[in-house]
Amino acid sequence: MFGLGTTELIIILILVLVIFGAGKLPSVGGALGKGLRNFKDGMKEEEDEPEKIEKKDDEE
């Protein structure tokens, strides 16, 4: 993906554990997942908007 190997991913995971702690890790993961889901939904809505505009133009 970005040239990240197994060693780099393990180092990133250790840094995240040190910064946030094991107790907050599930809430951080959940917030990150919700953010990504909202971003994807926003991109999907943006793709659908031209179709809505075309339908409105056809009705007039």
PDB file of N, CA and C in Angstrom:
ATOM      1  N   MET A   1       0.840  -1.187   0.000  1.00  0.00           N
ATOM      2  CA  MET A   1       0.000   0.000   0.000  1.00  0.00           C
ATOM      3  C   MET A   1       0.879   1.242   0.000  1.00  0.00           C
ATOM      4  N   PHE A   2       1.494   1.554   1.099  1.00  0.00           N
ATOM      5  CA  PHE A   2       2.383   2.709   1.183  1.00  0.00           C
ATOM      6  C   PHE A   2       3.816   2.261   1.416  1.00  0.00           C
ATOM      7  N   GLY A   3       4.095   1.037   1.099  1.00  0.00           N
ATOM      8  CA  GLY A   3       5.421   0.505   1.324  1.00  0.00           C
ATOM      9  C   GLY A   3       5.666   0.152   2.780  1.00  0.00           C
ATOM     10  N   LEU A   4       4.592  -0.083   3.541  1.00  0.00           N
ATOM     11  CA  LEU A   4       4.723  -0.450   4.943  1.00  0.00           C
ATOM     12  C   LEU A   4       4.837  -1.961   5.061  1.00  0.00           C
ATOM     13  N   GLY A   5       5.867  -2.393   5.707  1.00  0.00           N
ATOM     14  CA  GLY A   5       6.042  -3.815   5.935  1.00  0.00           C
ATOM     15  C   GLY A   5       5.544  -4.206   7.304  1.00  0.00           C
ATOM     16  N   THR A   6       5.744  -5.446   7.650  1.00  0.00           N
ATOM     17  CA  THR A   6       5.299  -5.963   8.941  1.00  0.00           C
ATOM     18  C   THR A   6       5.984  -5.245  10.093  1.00  0.00           C
ATOM     19  N   THR A   7       7.263  -4.995   9.969  1.00  0.00           N
ATOM     20  CA  THR A   7       8.013  -4.337  11.042  1.00  0.00           C
ATOM     21  C   THR A   7       7.484  -2.930  11.297  1.00  0.00           C
ATOM     22  N   GLU A   8       7.213  -2.186  10.234  1.00  0.00           N
ATOM     23  CA  GLU A   8       6.699  -0.827  10.391  1.00  0.00           C
ATOM     24  C   GLU A   8       5.324  -0.819  11.046  1.00  0.00           C
ATOM     25  N   LEU A   9       4.465  -1.764  10.646  1.00  0.00           N
ATOM     26  CA  LEU A   9       3.134  -1.840  11.244  1.00  0.00           C
ATOM     27  C   LEU A   9       3.200  -2.175  12.732  1.00  0.00           C
ATOM     28  N   ILE A  10       4.107  -3.051  13.111  1.00  0.00           N
ATOM     29  CA  ILE A  10       4.275  -3.397  14.531  1.00  0.00           C
ATOM     30  C   ILE A  10       4.762  -2.183  15.313  1.00  0.00           C
ATOM     31  N   ILE A  11       5.687  -1.434  14.767  1.00  0.00           N
ATOM     32  CA  ILE A  11       6.189  -0.229  15.437  1.00  0.00           C
ATOM     33  C   ILE A  11       5.067   0.781  15.603  1.00  0.00           C
ATOM     34  N   ILE A  12       4.246   0.967  14.578  1.00  0.00           N
ATOM     35  CA  ILE A  12       3.118   1.903  14.677  1.00  0.00           C
ATOM     36  C   ILE A  12       2.134   1.445  15.749  1.00  0.00           C
ATOM     37  N   LEU A  13       1.842   0.154  15.795  1.00  0.00           N
ATOM     38  CA  LEU A  13       0.930  -0.381  16.805  1.00  0.00           C
ATOM     39  C   LEU A  13       1.472  -0.144  18.212  1.00  0.00           C
ATOM     40  N   ILE A  14       2.757  -0.371  18.416  1.00  0.00           N
ATOM     41  CA  ILE A  14       3.374  -0.137  19.728  1.00  0.00           C
ATOM     42  C   ILE A  14       3.290   1.340  20.104  1.00  0.00           C
ATOM     43  N   LEU A  15       3.540   2.228  19.158  1.00  0.00           N
ATOM     44  CA  LEU A  15       3.441   3.667  19.438  1.00  0.00           C
ATOM     45  C   LEU A  15       2.013   4.063  19.818  1.00  0.00           C
ATOM     46  N   VAL A  16       1.041   3.511  19.122  1.00  0.00           N
ATOM     47  CA  VAL A  16      -0.357   3.810  19.439  1.00  0.00           C
ATOM     48  C   VAL A  16      -0.696   3.314  20.836  1.00  0.00           C
ATOM     49  N   LEU A  17      -0.237   2.124  21.187  1.00  0.00           N
ATOM     50  CA  LEU A  17      -0.479   1.598  22.537  1.00  0.00           C
ATOM     51  C   LEU A  17       0.160   2.475  23.596  1.00  0.00           C
ATOM     52  N   VAL A  18       1.364   2.971  23.341  1.00  0.00           N
ATOM     53  CA  VAL A  18       2.051   3.830  24.311  1.00  0.00           C
ATOM     54  C   VAL A  18       1.335   5.163  24.451  1.00  0.00           C
ATOM     55  N   ILE A  19       0.909   5.737  23.338  1.00  0.00           N
ATOM     56  CA  ILE A  19       0.272   7.063  23.370  1.00  0.00           C
ATOM     57  C   ILE A  19      -1.118   6.999  24.004  1.00  0.00           C
ATOM     58  N   PHE A  20      -1.956   6.077  23.557  1.00  0.00           N
ATOM     59  CA  PHE A  20      -3.345   6.042  24.011  1.00  0.00           C
ATOM     60  C   PHE A  20      -3.586   5.091  25.162  1.00  0.00           C
ATOM     61  N   GLY A  21      -2.756   4.107  25.339  1.00  0.00           N
ATOM     62  CA  GLY A  21      -2.965   3.119  26.386  1.00  0.00           C
ATOM     63  C   GLY A  21      -3.933   2.051  25.935  1.00  0.00           C
ATOM     64  N   ALA A  22      -3.861   0.898  26.567  1.00  0.00           N
ATOM     65  CA  ALA A  22      -4.694  -0.231  26.171  1.00  0.00           C
ATOM     66  C   ALA A  22      -6.170   0.008  26.490  1.00  0.00           C
ATOM     67  N   GLY A  23      -6.461   0.789  27.523  1.00  0.00           N
ATOM     68  CA  GLY A  23      -7.849   1.033  27.917  1.00  0.00           C
ATOM     69  C   GLY A  23      -8.618   1.881  26.924  1.00  0.00           C
ATOM     70  N   LYS A  24      -7.965   2.860  26.322  1.00  0.00           N
ATOM     71  CA  LYS A  24      -8.644   3.752  25.387  1.00  0.00           C
ATOM     72  C   LYS A  24      -8.589   3.262  23.955  1.00  0.00           C
ATOM     73  N   LEU A  25      -7.840   2.217  23.690  1.00  0.00           N
ATOM     74  CA  LEU A  25      -7.667   1.741  22.321  1.00  0.00           C
ATOM     75  C   LEU A  25      -8.984   1.360  21.644  1.00  0.00           C
ATOM     76  N   PRO A  26      -9.920   0.665  22.307  1.00  0.00           N
ATOM     77  CA  PRO A  26     -11.196   0.352  21.633  1.00  0.00           C
ATOM     78  C   PRO A  26     -12.003   1.602  21.260  1.00  0.00           C
ATOM     79  N   SER A  27     -12.016   2.610  22.123  1.00  0.00           N
ATOM     80  CA  SER A  27     -12.773   3.817  21.806  1.00  0.00           C
ATOM     81  C   SER A  27     -12.119   4.598  20.671  1.00  0.00           C
ATOM     82  N   VAL A  28     -10.788   4.590  20.625  1.00  0.00           N
ATOM     83  CA  VAL A  28     -10.086   5.263  19.527  1.00  0.00           C
ATOM     84  C   VAL A  28     -10.376   4.541  18.217  1.00  0.00           C
ATOM     85  N   GLY A  29     -10.350   3.217  18.235  1.00  0.00           N
ATOM     86  CA  GLY A  29     -10.666   2.436  17.037  1.00  0.00           C
ATOM     87  C   GLY A  29     -12.095   2.651  16.569  1.00  0.00           C
ATOM     88  N   GLY A  30     -13.017   2.713  17.518  1.00  0.00           N
ATOM     89  CA  GLY A  30     -14.417   2.955  17.168  1.00  0.00           C
ATOM     90  C   GLY A  30     -14.623   4.329  16.549  1.00  0.00           C
ATOM     91  N   ALA A  31     -13.979   5.334  17.117  1.00  0.00           N
ATOM     92  CA  ALA A  31     -14.095   6.683  16.576  1.00  0.00           C
ATOM     93  C   ALA A  31     -13.485   6.764  15.181  1.00  0.00           C
ATOM     94  N   LEU A  32     -12.372   6.095  14.988  1.00  0.00           N
ATOM     95  CA  LEU A  32     -11.733   6.077  13.675  1.00  0.00           C
ATOM     96  C   LEU A  32     -12.620   5.377  12.654  1.00  0.00           C
ATOM     97  N   GLY A  33     -13.232   4.279  13.043  1.00  0.00           N
ATOM     98  CA  GLY A  33     -14.141   3.561  12.153  1.00  0.00           C
ATOM     99  C   GLY A  33     -15.358   4.393  11.777  1.00  0.00           C
ATOM    100  N   LYS A  34     -15.944   5.103  12.751  1.00  0.00           N
ATOM    101  CA  LYS A  34     -17.096   5.959  12.466  1.00  0.00           C
ATOM    102  C   LYS A  34     -16.706   7.095  11.531  1.00  0.00           C
ATOM    103  N   GLY A  35     -15.529   7.648  11.742  1.00  0.00           N
ATOM    104  CA  GLY A  35     -15.060   8.725  10.869  1.00  0.00           C
ATOM    105  C   GLY A  35     -14.880   8.257   9.438  1.00  0.00           C
ATOM    106  N   LEU A  36     -14.289   7.078   9.268  1.00  0.00           N
ATOM    107  CA  LEU A  36     -14.108   6.537   7.920  1.00  0.00           C
ATOM    108  C   LEU A  36     -15.449   6.220   7.265  1.00  0.00           C
ATOM    109  N   ARG A  37     -16.389   5.683   8.055  1.00  0.00           N
ATOM    110  CA  ARG A  37     -17.715   5.364   7.521  1.00  0.00           C
ATOM    111  C   ARG A  37     -18.430   6.637   7.070  1.00  0.00           C
ATOM    112  N   ASN A  38     -18.356   7.701   7.879  1.00  0.00           N
ATOM    113  CA  ASN A  38     -18.989   8.965   7.504  1.00  0.00           C
ATOM    114  C   ASN A  38     -18.344   9.550   6.252  1.00  0.00           C
ATOM    115  N   PHE A  39     -17.030   9.414   6.145  1.00  0.00           N
ATOM    116  CA  PHE A  39     -16.323   9.916   4.972  1.00  0.00           C
ATOM    117  C   PHE A  39     -16.784   9.173   3.718  1.00  0.00           C
ATOM    118  N   LYS A  40     -16.876   7.839   3.805  1.00  0.00           N
ATOM    119  CA  LYS A  40     -17.320   7.050   2.662  1.00  0.00           C
ATOM    120  C   LYS A  40     -18.755   7.391   2.280  1.00  0.00           C
ATOM    121  N   ASP A  41     -19.632   7.567   3.286  1.00  0.00           N
ATOM    122  CA  ASP A  41     -21.018   7.933   3.010  1.00  0.00           C
ATOM    123  C   ASP A  41     -21.091   9.304   2.353  1.00  0.00           C
ATOM    124  N   GLY A  42     -20.268  10.223   2.802  1.00  0.00           N
ATOM    125  CA  GLY A  42     -20.231  11.555   2.202  1.00  0.00           C
ATOM    126  C   GLY A  42     -19.774  11.515   0.762  1.00  0.00           C
ATOM    127  N   MET A  43     -18.784  10.691   0.476  1.00  0.00           N
ATOM    128  CA  MET A  43     -18.314  10.563  -0.903  1.00  0.00           C
ATOM    129  C   MET A  43     -19.376   9.913  -1.779  1.00  0.00           C
ATOM    130  N   LYS A  44     -20.110   8.960  -1.213  1.00  0.00           N
ATOM    131  CA  LYS A  44     -21.156   8.278  -1.966  1.00  0.00           C
ATOM    132  C   LYS A  44     -22.298   9.249  -2.268  1.00  0.00           C
ATOM    133  N   GLU A  45     -22.677  10.086  -1.309  1.00  0.00           N
ATOM    134  CA  GLU A  45     -23.731  11.075  -1.521  1.00  0.00           C
ATOM    135  C   GLU A  45     -23.310  12.078  -2.577  1.00  0.00           C
ATOM    136  N   GLU A  46     -22.033  12.445  -2.581  1.00  0.00           N
ATOM    137  CA  GLU A  46     -21.535  13.404  -3.560  1.00  0.00           C
ATOM    138  C   GLU A  46     -21.639  12.831  -4.966  1.00  0.00           C
ATOM    139  N   GLU A  47     -21.393  11.532  -5.113  1.00  0.00           N
ATOM    140  CA  GLU A  47     -21.507  10.887  -6.414  1.00  0.00           C
ATOM    141  C   GLU A  47     -22.966  10.817  -6.858  1.00  0.00           C
ATOM    142  N   ASP A  48     -23.898  10.702  -5.917  1.00  0.00           N
ATOM    143  CA  ASP A  48     -25.314  10.589  -6.245  1.00  0.00           C
ATOM    144  C   ASP A  48     -25.932  11.943  -6.605  1.00  0.00           C
ATOM    145  N   GLU A  49     -25.360  13.036  -6.168  1.00  0.00           N
ATOM    146  CA  GLU A  49     -25.941  14.354  -6.393  1.00  0.00           C
ATOM    147  C   GLU A  49     -26.120  14.707  -7.862  1.00  0.00           C
ATOM    148  N   PRO A  50     -25.162  14.425  -8.760  1.00  0.00           N
ATOM    149  CA  PRO A  50     -25.401  14.761 -10.172  1.00  0.00           C
ATOM    150  C   PRO A  50     -26.640  14.076 -10.737  1.00  0.00           C
ATOM    151  N   GLU A  51     -26.928  12.845 -10.296  1.00  0.00           N
ATOM    152  CA  GLU A  51     -28.119  12.152 -10.768  1.00  0.00           C
ATOM    153  C   GLU A  51     -29.374  12.875 -10.301  1.00  0.00           C
ATOM    154  N   LYS A  52     -29.375  13.357  -9.067  1.00  0.00           N
ATOM    155  CA  LYS A  52     -30.525  14.089  -8.547  1.00  0.00           C
ATOM    156  C   LYS A  52     -30.737  15.369  -9.326  1.00  0.00           C
ATOM    157  N   ILE A  53     -29.658  16.052  -9.672  1.00  0.00           N
ATOM    158  CA  ILE A  53     -29.758  17.305 -10.421  1.00  0.00           C
ATOM    159  C   ILE A  53     -30.309  17.029 -11.810  1.00  0.00           C
ATOM    160  N   GLU A  54     -29.852  15.959 -12.466  1.00  0.00           N
ATOM    161  CA  GLU A  54     -30.341  15.613 -13.785  1.00  0.00           C
ATOM    162  C   GLU A  54     -31.823  15.275 -13.751  1.00  0.00           C
ATOM    163  N   LYS A  55     -32.275  14.572 -12.711  1.00  0.00           N
ATOM    164  CA  LYS A  55     -33.682  14.224 -12.600  1.00  0.00           C
ATOM    165  C   LYS A  55     -34.535  15.466 -12.428  1.00  0.00           C
ATOM    166  N   LYS A  56     -34.061  16.434 -11.658  1.00  0.00           N
ATOM    167  CA  LYS A  56     -34.809  17.678 -11.465  1.00  0.00           C
ATOM    168  C   LYS A  56     -34.911  18.455 -12.776  1.00  0.00           C
ATOM    169  N   ASP A  57     -33.843  18.472 -13.562  1.00  0.00           N
ATOM    170  CA  ASP A  57     -33.853  19.169 -14.847  1.00  0.00           C
ATOM    171  C   ASP A  57     -34.823  18.512 -15.816  1.00  0.00           C
ATOM    172  N   ASP A  58     -34.913  17.188 -15.773  1.00  0.00           N
ATOM    173  CA  ASP A  58     -35.820  16.472 -16.669  1.00  0.00           C
ATOM    174  C   ASP A  58     -37.283  16.733 -16.312  1.00  0.00           C
ATOM    175  N   GLU A  59     -37.577  16.937 -15.034  1.00  0.00           N
ATOM    176  CA  GLU A  59     -38.947  17.155 -14.591  1.00  0.00           C
ATOM    177  C   GLU A  59     -39.466  18.523 -15.019  1.00  0.00           C
ATOM    178  N   GLU A  60     -38.586  19.481 -15.148  1.00  0.00           N
ATOM    179  CA  GLU A  60     -39.017  20.848 -15.505  1.00  0.00           C
ATOM    180  C   GLU A  60     -39.237  20.932 -16.958  1.00  0.00           C
TER     181      GLU A  60
END
